[in-house]
Protein backbone atom coordinates (compact mmCIF):
# COMPACT_ATOMS: atom_id res chain seq x y z
CA VAL A 1 73.07 104.96 204.61
CA ALA A 2 72.50 108.10 202.55
CA THR A 3 75.69 109.67 203.86
CA GLN A 4 77.83 106.68 202.90
CA TYR A 5 76.06 106.43 199.54
CA PHE A 6 76.85 110.04 198.62
CA ASN A 7 80.41 109.60 199.85
CA LEU A 8 80.76 106.63 197.51
CA LEU A 9 79.55 108.77 194.61
CA THR A 10 82.08 111.42 195.58
CA GLN A 11 84.87 108.86 195.58
CA GLN A 12 83.74 107.67 192.14
CA GLU A 13 83.98 111.20 190.77
CA ASN A 14 87.39 111.65 192.37
CA ILE A 15 88.63 108.48 190.68
CA VAL A 16 87.40 109.77 187.32
CA ASN A 17 89.19 113.08 187.90
CA LEU A 18 92.39 111.28 188.95
CA ARG A 19 92.28 109.21 185.78
CA LEU A 20 91.90 112.34 183.70
CA LYS A 21 94.76 114.00 185.57
CA TYR A 22 96.97 110.95 185.07
CA ALA A 23 96.15 110.97 181.37
CA SER A 24 96.93 114.68 181.23
CA SER A 25 100.24 114.31 183.08
CA SER A 26 101.18 111.40 180.81
CA ALA A 27 100.45 113.58 177.80
CA LEU A 28 102.56 116.30 179.39
CA THR A 29 105.44 113.87 179.71
CA GLU A 30 105.25 112.96 176.04
CA GLN A 31 105.03 116.61 175.06
CA THR A 32 108.07 117.55 177.14
CA ARG A 33 110.04 114.71 175.54
CA GLU A 34 109.20 116.05 172.09
CA LEU A 35 110.16 119.57 173.13
CA TYR A 36 113.40 118.24 174.62
CA ALA A 37 114.17 116.45 171.37
CA ALA A 38 113.57 119.72 169.57
CA GLY A 39 115.96 121.46 171.96
CA ARG A 40 113.31 123.72 173.48
CA LEU A 41 113.34 122.19 177.00
CA THR A 42 115.96 120.74 179.30
CA PHE A 43 116.06 117.10 180.31
CA LEU A 44 115.26 118.17 183.87
CA GLU A 45 111.84 119.33 182.69
CA VAL A 46 111.19 115.91 181.18
CA GLU A 47 112.10 114.23 184.46
CA PHE A 48 109.90 116.62 186.40
CA ALA A 49 106.91 115.83 184.16
CA LEU A 50 107.56 112.10 184.48
CA GLN A 51 107.73 112.36 188.27
CA ALA A 52 104.38 114.17 188.30
CA ALA A 53 102.84 111.43 186.15
CA LEU A 54 104.14 108.71 188.49
CA GLY A 55 102.67 110.56 191.45
CA ASP A 56 99.30 110.80 189.71
CA GLU A 57 99.38 107.09 188.94
CA ASN A 58 100.07 106.29 192.58
CA ASN A 59 97.25 108.57 193.74
CA LEU A 60 94.88 106.81 191.35
CA VAL A 61 95.81 103.38 192.71
CA ASN A 62 95.32 104.58 196.29
CA ALA A 63 91.93 106.11 195.46
CA GLU A 64 90.71 102.90 193.83
CA GLN A 65 91.85 100.92 196.89
CA THR A 66 90.08 103.34 199.24
CA TYR A 67 86.89 103.09 197.19
CA ALA A 68 86.99 99.27 197.33
CA ASN A 69 87.28 99.41 201.14
CA SER A 70 84.44 101.94 201.38
CA LEU A 71 82.30 99.74 199.13
CA ASP A 72 82.83 96.75 201.44
CA SER A 73 81.87 98.89 204.43
CA PHE A 74 78.70 99.98 202.64
CA LYS A 75 77.79 96.35 201.88
CA GLN A 76 78.24 95.54 205.54
CA LEU A 77 76.06 98.49 206.53
CA ILE A 78 73.12 97.40 204.34
CA GLY A 79 73.49 93.70 205.22
CA MET A 80 74.76 92.60 201.81
CA PRO A 81 77.23 89.72 201.34
CA ILE A 82 80.72 91.18 201.09
CA ASP A 83 81.76 88.93 198.19
CA GLN A 84 78.73 89.92 196.08
CA ASN A 85 79.23 92.50 193.35
CA LEU A 86 77.64 95.91 193.87
CA ASP A 87 77.43 98.61 191.21
CA VAL A 88 76.74 101.96 192.86
CA GLN A 89 74.82 104.16 190.43
CA GLY A 90 74.88 107.91 190.76
CA VAL A 91 71.33 109.22 191.20
CA ASP A 92 70.39 112.76 192.16
CA LEU A 93 67.70 113.14 194.79
CA ASN A 94 66.16 116.04 192.89
CA ILE A 95 65.02 117.58 196.16
CA ASP A 96 64.35 121.29 196.00
CA LEU A 97 66.34 123.40 198.40
CA PRO A 98 64.12 123.89 201.48
CA ASP A 99 62.82 127.22 202.61
CA LEU A 100 65.79 128.92 204.22
CA SER A 101 63.69 131.32 206.29
CA GLN A 102 64.78 130.84 209.87
CA ALA A 103 61.43 131.88 211.33
CA SER A 104 59.40 129.39 209.28
CA ALA A 105 61.95 126.62 209.85
CA VAL A 106 61.90 127.13 213.62
CA ALA A 107 58.09 127.24 213.69
CA THR A 108 57.89 124.00 211.72
CA ALA A 109 60.38 122.27 214.02
CA LEU A 110 58.55 123.39 217.16
CA LYS A 111 55.33 122.02 215.70
CA TYR A 112 56.53 118.63 214.43
CA ARG A 113 59.65 117.60 216.35
CA LEU A 114 58.63 114.41 218.14
CA ASP A 115 61.27 114.68 220.86
CA LEU A 116 59.85 118.06 221.85
CA LYS A 117 56.29 116.67 221.87
CA THR A 118 57.43 113.78 224.05
CA ALA A 119 59.10 116.15 226.52
CA GLN A 120 55.87 118.15 226.69
CA ASP A 121 53.81 115.02 227.35
CA LYS A 122 56.15 114.06 230.17
CA ILE A 123 55.36 117.36 231.89
CA GLU A 124 51.65 116.51 231.83
CA ASP A 125 52.36 113.02 233.18
CA ALA A 126 54.46 114.47 235.98
CA ARG A 127 51.75 117.04 236.79
CA ARG A 128 49.16 114.27 237.16
CA SER A 129 51.55 112.35 239.41
CA VAL A 130 51.85 115.43 241.65
CA GLY A 131 48.06 115.61 241.87
CA ASP A 132 47.77 111.94 242.79
CA ALA A 133 50.48 112.27 245.44
CA GLN A 134 48.78 115.37 246.85
CA ASN A 135 45.48 113.54 247.15
CA SER A 136 47.16 110.86 249.24
CA LEU A 137 47.87 113.52 251.90
CA LEU A 138 44.17 114.34 252.42
CA PRO A 139 41.99 112.74 255.15
CA ASP A 140 40.50 109.32 254.34
CA LEU A 141 36.77 108.64 254.69
CA THR A 142 35.60 105.10 254.04
CA LEU A 143 31.87 104.23 254.06
CA THR A 144 30.79 100.61 254.62
CA GLY A 145 27.42 98.86 254.31
CA ILE A 146 26.33 95.19 254.68
CA GLY A 147 22.93 93.55 254.11
CA GLN A 148 21.93 89.89 254.57
CA LEU A 149 18.67 88.14 253.63
CA GLY A 150 18.23 84.53 254.81
CA ASN A 151 15.76 81.61 255.30
CA ASP A 152 14.10 80.21 258.37
CA THR A 153 15.13 76.90 259.84
CA ILE A 154 12.21 75.00 258.25
CA THR A 155 13.02 75.99 254.67
CA PRO A 156 16.78 76.67 254.69
CA THR A 157 17.13 76.80 250.91
CA TYR A 158 16.05 79.12 248.11
CA PRO A 159 13.39 80.29 247.21
CA ALA A 160 11.79 80.36 250.66
CA LEU A 161 13.36 83.67 251.75
CA SER A 162 11.93 85.52 254.69
CA ASN A 163 12.11 89.24 255.47
CA ARG A 164 12.26 88.34 259.17
CA TYR A 165 15.77 87.09 258.64
CA PHE A 166 17.08 90.31 256.96
CA ASN A 167 20.09 91.87 258.73
CA TYR A 168 21.96 95.01 257.79
CA SER A 169 24.65 97.29 259.15
CA ALA A 170 26.35 100.55 258.08
CA GLY A 171 29.36 102.50 259.22
CA PHE A 172 32.24 104.73 258.25
CA ASP A 173 35.98 104.95 258.89
CA PHE A 174 37.56 108.41 259.10
CA GLN A 175 41.34 108.83 259.30
CA LEU A 176 43.15 112.11 259.83
CA PRO A 177 46.46 112.66 257.96
CA LEU A 178 48.56 112.56 261.13
CA ASP A 179 51.20 110.02 260.07
CA ARG A 180 51.79 110.30 256.32
CA THR A 181 55.58 110.10 256.15
CA VAL A 182 55.62 107.84 253.10
CA GLU A 183 52.96 109.88 251.35
CA ARG A 184 54.84 113.13 252.01
CA ASP A 185 58.04 111.62 250.63
CA ASN A 186 56.16 110.49 247.53
CA TYR A 187 54.70 113.97 247.13
CA ARG A 188 58.15 115.59 247.34
CA ALA A 189 59.49 113.07 244.81
CA ALA A 190 56.60 113.84 242.46
CA ILE A 191 57.32 117.57 242.68
CA ILE A 192 61.01 116.95 241.95
CA ALA A 193 60.08 114.79 238.95
CA PHE A 194 57.76 117.52 237.70
CA GLU A 195 60.45 120.19 237.93
CA SER A 196 62.89 117.84 236.20
CA ALA A 197 60.41 117.29 233.37
CA ARG A 198 60.02 121.04 232.92
CA ARG A 199 63.79 121.55 232.82
CA ASN A 200 64.14 118.73 230.31
CA TYR A 201 61.48 120.34 228.12
CA ASN A 202 63.31 123.66 228.22
CA ARG A 203 66.57 121.95 227.27
CA THR A 204 64.87 120.10 224.42
CA TYR A 205 63.23 123.32 223.24
CA ASP A 206 66.59 125.07 223.14
CA GLN A 207 68.17 122.09 221.39
CA VAL A 208 65.52 122.22 218.67
CA LEU A 209 66.38 125.86 218.04
CA VAL A 210 70.09 125.02 217.92
CA ASP A 211 69.48 122.12 215.52
CA VAL A 212 67.44 124.22 213.11
CA ARG A 213 69.86 127.14 213.13
CA SER A 214 72.82 124.81 212.66
CA SER A 215 71.10 122.97 209.79
CA LEU A 216 70.34 126.26 208.05
CA ARG A 217 73.96 127.33 208.38
CA ASP A 218 75.11 124.00 206.93
CA LEU A 219 72.75 124.41 203.97
CA ASN A 220 73.93 127.94 203.26
CA ASN A 221 77.57 127.00 203.68
CA ASP A 222 77.36 123.97 201.38
CA ARG A 223 75.38 125.91 198.78
CA VAL A 224 77.92 128.75 198.73
CA THR A 225 80.85 126.33 198.80
CA MET A 226 79.50 124.40 195.82
CA ASP A 227 79.10 127.61 193.83
CA ILE A 228 82.63 128.74 194.72
CA GLN A 229 84.16 125.40 193.77
CA ARG A 230 82.26 125.38 190.48
CA ARG A 231 83.84 128.72 189.58
CA ALA A 232 87.22 127.54 190.85
CA THR A 233 86.97 124.48 188.61
CA ASP A 234 86.18 126.60 185.56
CA LEU A 235 89.11 128.86 186.34
CA ALA A 236 91.51 125.94 186.83
CA GLU A 237 90.44 124.40 183.52
CA ARG A 238 91.23 127.65 181.70
CA ARG A 239 94.62 127.84 183.45
CA VAL A 240 95.49 124.28 182.37
CA GLU A 241 94.55 125.01 178.75
CA TYR A 242 96.56 128.22 178.75
CA ALA A 243 99.58 126.51 180.35
CA PHE A 244 99.60 123.80 177.67
CA THR A 245 99.43 126.48 174.99
CA LEU A 246 102.42 128.29 176.47
CA LEU A 247 104.31 125.03 176.82
CA SER A 248 103.78 124.16 173.16
CA GLN A 249 105.13 127.61 172.25
CA GLY A 250 108.19 127.13 174.40
CA LYS A 251 107.14 129.92 176.76
CA ALA A 252 106.54 127.72 179.82
CA VAL A 253 108.12 124.82 181.71
CA SER A 254 106.65 121.63 183.15
CA ARG A 255 105.88 123.16 186.54
CA ASP A 256 103.79 125.84 184.84
CA VAL A 257 101.46 123.01 183.74
CA THR A 258 101.58 120.64 186.72
CA ASP A 259 100.61 123.33 189.23
CA PRO A 260 97.37 124.27 187.40
CA GLN A 261 96.65 120.56 186.98
CA ALA A 262 96.93 120.05 190.74
CA ASP A 263 94.70 123.06 191.38
CA LEU A 264 92.14 121.68 188.94
CA LEU A 265 92.06 118.33 190.69
CA ALA A 266 91.67 120.01 194.09
CA ALA A 267 88.82 122.18 192.81
CA GLN A 268 87.06 119.19 191.24
CA THR A 269 87.40 117.17 194.44
CA ALA A 270 86.09 120.04 196.54
CA TYR A 271 83.17 120.56 194.16
CA ASN A 272 82.18 116.88 194.27
CA GLN A 273 82.40 116.87 198.05
CA ALA A 274 80.29 120.04 198.24
CA GLN A 275 77.61 118.40 196.09
CA ALA A 276 77.45 115.38 198.41
CA SER A 277 77.52 117.58 201.52
CA LEU A 278 74.61 119.65 200.21
CA GLN A 279 72.47 116.56 199.58
CA ILE A 280 73.27 115.23 203.05
CA ALA A 281 72.59 118.64 204.62
CA ILE A 282 69.16 118.76 202.96
CA LEU A 283 68.28 115.31 204.34
CA ASN A 284 69.49 116.27 207.83
CA PHE A 285 67.51 119.50 207.69
CA LEU A 286 64.32 117.73 206.62
């Protein structure tokens, strides 16, 4: 749910950026027409700017359609009626970046991961099963005892009980483990189950280490990526402003503006995606 939510927010930001780019390319078209009228640009430059604006308009329509489909999928995920309106609000989690120390992260995972605790408990269960199966291979000694206290024939009912009619017997049954085929098979099966439980614990232990290390790498990667894309966005914005300045002075052509605009949109999209990926990575890590 969180992953789809943050992806929806990313798509919202992308739509906003596409609208701004379409507005910018439309303004570029008007500016090139004015420069063409003033004889400072060729008609081909006007057509190139118009083609870029049409492409931006088409990309905006496609993005809005994709967002509508993603919104319906999100409604289906949370059990909401598809035809009901849903306004997805952008809210930051405000979760501090976790401790990125690998040693402390691994120690915490080994202490609290429930799947690892379950695998450890299964070893203890299998060890007890081995002990029970081993006991079944030992000799059997059964002790028996019977005592009866009755009445005489004159007073056959309670409370006229007589010690003369007290009978008792005792005995024992001792069996050597000569034919324990089933018990031996059960013992072997218990040992196999115990070894399997130990191997499963070792695999789970290793998987915990892999999960923690992978989550830390994802956090570092998304954090660095977001910082890089923030700087790339700032750079692309300065390039767009400079390109428009050169165009107004007649020192640039349409392509000199559309290329920085495309780079700006790509940087903004990557930055928004990095923000969402970082939030999701934090949740996965926790």
